[in-house]
Amino acid sequence: MLSFVSEGVFERFPELRVVVLECGFAWLPPLLWRFDKDWKGVWREVPWVKHRPSEYVREHFRFTTAPAHLPSDPVALEQLLEMMDGAGMLMYASDYPHEHGDGLPALLDRLSADQRRGVLRDTAAELYGLG
């Protein structure tokens, strides 16, 4: 992900979309914070990166819900979901037959009906052009 953004892949291929599987997503907000922070110090050295790195990630990447390693603190979970664009960057994945604990049910319980529909259906339908 870092290489795709910092090497300018999305400037060259603006229609490219990437789905990150089997990696969880709770690590993403702190990584994007640091990526944006570091880019602010070196943006002149990478003129092909025309936007904040987090903007490229939000536009071009989607992440699956398996495994959903969620913070146990409800406030931290709410913050995580807010940073994930209200779960707009998430797509459902069961990883059947593997069991990853109760992270997915806990995640779905915290989402609004619209957000849940997005995770379970709409984000993937949009990504794959299924209308």
Protein backbone atom coordinates (compact mmCIF):
# COMPACT_ATOMS: atom_id res chain seq x y z
CA MET A 1 0.00 0.00 0.00
CA LEU A 2 2.76 2.42 0.95
CA SER A 3 4.70 1.68 -2.21
CA PHE A 4 1.68 2.03 -4.49
CA VAL A 5 0.97 5.48 -3.08
CA SER A 6 4.51 6.79 -2.71
CA GLU A 7 5.62 5.56 -6.14
CA GLY A 8 2.72 7.33 -7.86
CA VAL A 9 0.90 4.25 -9.13
CA PHE A 10 -2.51 5.90 -8.78
CA GLU A 11 -1.46 8.98 -10.72
CA ARG A 12 -0.44 6.70 -13.57
CA PHE A 13 -3.41 4.33 -13.20
CA PRO A 14 -6.23 6.41 -11.69
CA GLU A 15 -8.88 3.71 -12.17
CA LEU A 16 -6.91 1.06 -10.27
CA ARG A 17 -8.58 -0.28 -7.13
CA VAL A 18 -7.01 -2.64 -4.58
CA VAL A 19 -8.68 -4.90 -2.03
CA VAL A 20 -6.59 -5.83 1.01
CA LEU A 21 -7.55 -9.28 2.32
CA GLU A 22 -6.67 -11.22 5.45
CA CYS A 23 -4.91 -8.28 7.13
CA GLY A 24 -7.55 -6.75 9.34
CA PHE A 25 -7.97 -2.98 9.32
CA ALA A 26 -7.52 -1.63 12.86
CA TRP A 27 -3.90 -0.79 12.02
CA LEU A 28 -4.88 1.51 9.15
CA PRO A 29 -5.79 4.82 10.89
CA PRO A 30 -2.50 5.18 12.79
CA LEU A 31 -0.56 4.21 9.67
CA LEU A 32 -2.36 6.81 7.57
CA TRP A 33 -1.77 9.47 10.20
CA ARG A 34 1.96 8.77 10.10
CA PHE A 35 2.02 8.49 6.30
CA ASP A 36 0.38 11.92 5.95
CA LYS A 37 2.67 13.41 8.59
CA ASP A 38 5.81 12.13 6.90
CA TRP A 39 4.58 13.21 3.44
CA LYS A 40 4.16 16.77 4.68
CA GLY A 41 7.90 16.85 5.31
CA VAL A 42 8.98 15.39 1.96
CA TRP A 43 6.24 16.29 -0.54
CA ARG A 44 8.67 18.33 -2.63
CA GLU A 45 10.77 15.20 -3.15
CA VAL A 46 7.81 13.20 -4.45
CA PRO A 47 5.97 15.62 -6.77
CA TRP A 48 4.04 12.73 -8.32
CA VAL A 49 2.22 12.29 -5.00
CA LYS A 50 -0.16 15.21 -5.55
CA HIS A 51 -2.52 14.56 -2.63
CA ARG A 52 -2.19 13.46 0.97
CA PRO A 53 -1.41 9.73 1.03
CA SER A 54 -4.55 9.04 3.06
CA GLU A 55 -6.65 10.45 0.21
CA TYR A 56 -5.19 7.93 -2.22
CA VAL A 57 -5.84 5.11 0.23
CA ARG A 58 -9.43 6.19 0.87
CA GLU A 59 -10.11 6.43 -2.87
CA HIS A 60 -8.29 3.34 -4.14
CA PHE A 61 -8.21 0.76 -1.34
CA ARG A 62 -10.84 -1.35 0.36
CA PHE A 63 -10.27 -3.66 3.31
CA THR A 64 -12.09 -6.82 4.30
CA THR A 65 -13.64 -7.58 7.64
CA ALA A 66 -11.80 -10.87 8.21
CA PRO A 67 -10.11 -10.81 10.58
CA ALA A 68 -11.73 -7.98 12.52
CA HIS A 69 -9.39 -7.44 15.46
CA LEU A 70 -11.28 -4.67 17.22
CA PRO A 71 -10.34 -2.61 20.25
CA SER A 72 -12.16 -3.75 23.39
CA ASP A 73 -12.79 -0.16 24.50
CA PRO A 74 -16.12 1.02 22.99
CA VAL A 75 -14.82 4.59 22.63
CA ALA A 76 -11.76 3.39 20.75
CA LEU A 77 -13.99 1.26 18.53
CA GLU A 78 -16.18 4.25 17.70
CA GLN A 79 -13.06 6.27 16.85
CA LEU A 80 -11.78 3.46 14.63
CA LEU A 81 -15.05 3.30 12.72
CA GLU A 82 -15.09 7.06 12.31
CA MET A 83 -11.56 6.96 10.90
CA MET A 84 -12.62 4.18 8.52
CA ASP A 85 -15.13 6.59 6.98
CA GLY A 86 -17.97 5.08 8.96
CA ALA A 87 -16.91 1.66 7.65
CA GLY A 88 -17.18 2.91 4.04
CA MET A 89 -13.79 1.38 3.30
CA LEU A 90 -14.83 -2.07 4.54
CA MET A 91 -16.17 -5.07 2.65
CA TYR A 92 -17.52 -8.26 4.15
CA ALA A 93 -15.36 -11.37 4.10
CA SER A 94 -16.16 -14.50 6.08
CA ASP A 95 -12.85 -16.35 5.52
CA TYR A 96 -14.91 -19.53 5.77
CA PRO A 97 -14.12 -22.08 7.10
CA HIS A 98 -11.64 -20.29 9.37
CA GLU A 99 -12.91 -18.80 12.60
CA HIS A 100 -11.64 -15.38 13.63
CA GLY A 101 -13.57 -14.89 16.84
CA ASP A 102 -16.42 -12.51 17.50
CA GLY A 103 -14.91 -9.42 15.84
CA LEU A 104 -17.26 -9.35 12.85
CA PRO A 105 -20.51 -9.68 14.85
CA ALA A 106 -19.24 -7.00 17.26
CA LEU A 107 -18.42 -4.75 14.31
CA LEU A 108 -21.79 -5.24 12.64
CA ASP A 109 -23.58 -4.57 15.95
CA ARG A 110 -21.91 -1.15 16.19
CA LEU A 111 -22.89 -0.02 12.69
CA SER A 112 -26.00 1.78 11.59
CA ALA A 113 -28.29 -0.03 9.15
CA ASP A 114 -26.83 1.96 6.23
CA GLN A 115 -23.26 1.26 7.30
CA ARG A 116 -24.03 -2.44 7.77
CA ARG A 117 -25.57 -2.60 4.30
CA GLY A 118 -22.43 -0.91 2.97
CA VAL A 119 -20.12 -3.46 4.56
CA LEU A 120 -22.25 -6.45 3.62
CA ARG A 121 -23.18 -5.38 0.09
CA ASP A 122 -22.88 -1.84 -1.23
CA THR A 123 -19.11 -1.25 -0.98
CA ALA A 124 -18.31 -4.41 -2.92
CA ALA A 125 -21.12 -3.77 -5.44
CA GLU A 126 -19.72 -0.30 -6.11
CA LEU A 127 -16.14 -1.52 -6.34
CA TYR A 128 -16.99 -4.28 -8.80
CA GLY A 129 -19.50 -2.20 -10.77
CA LEU A 130 -22.48 -4.37 -9.86
CA GLY A 131 -24.85 -1.42 -9.56
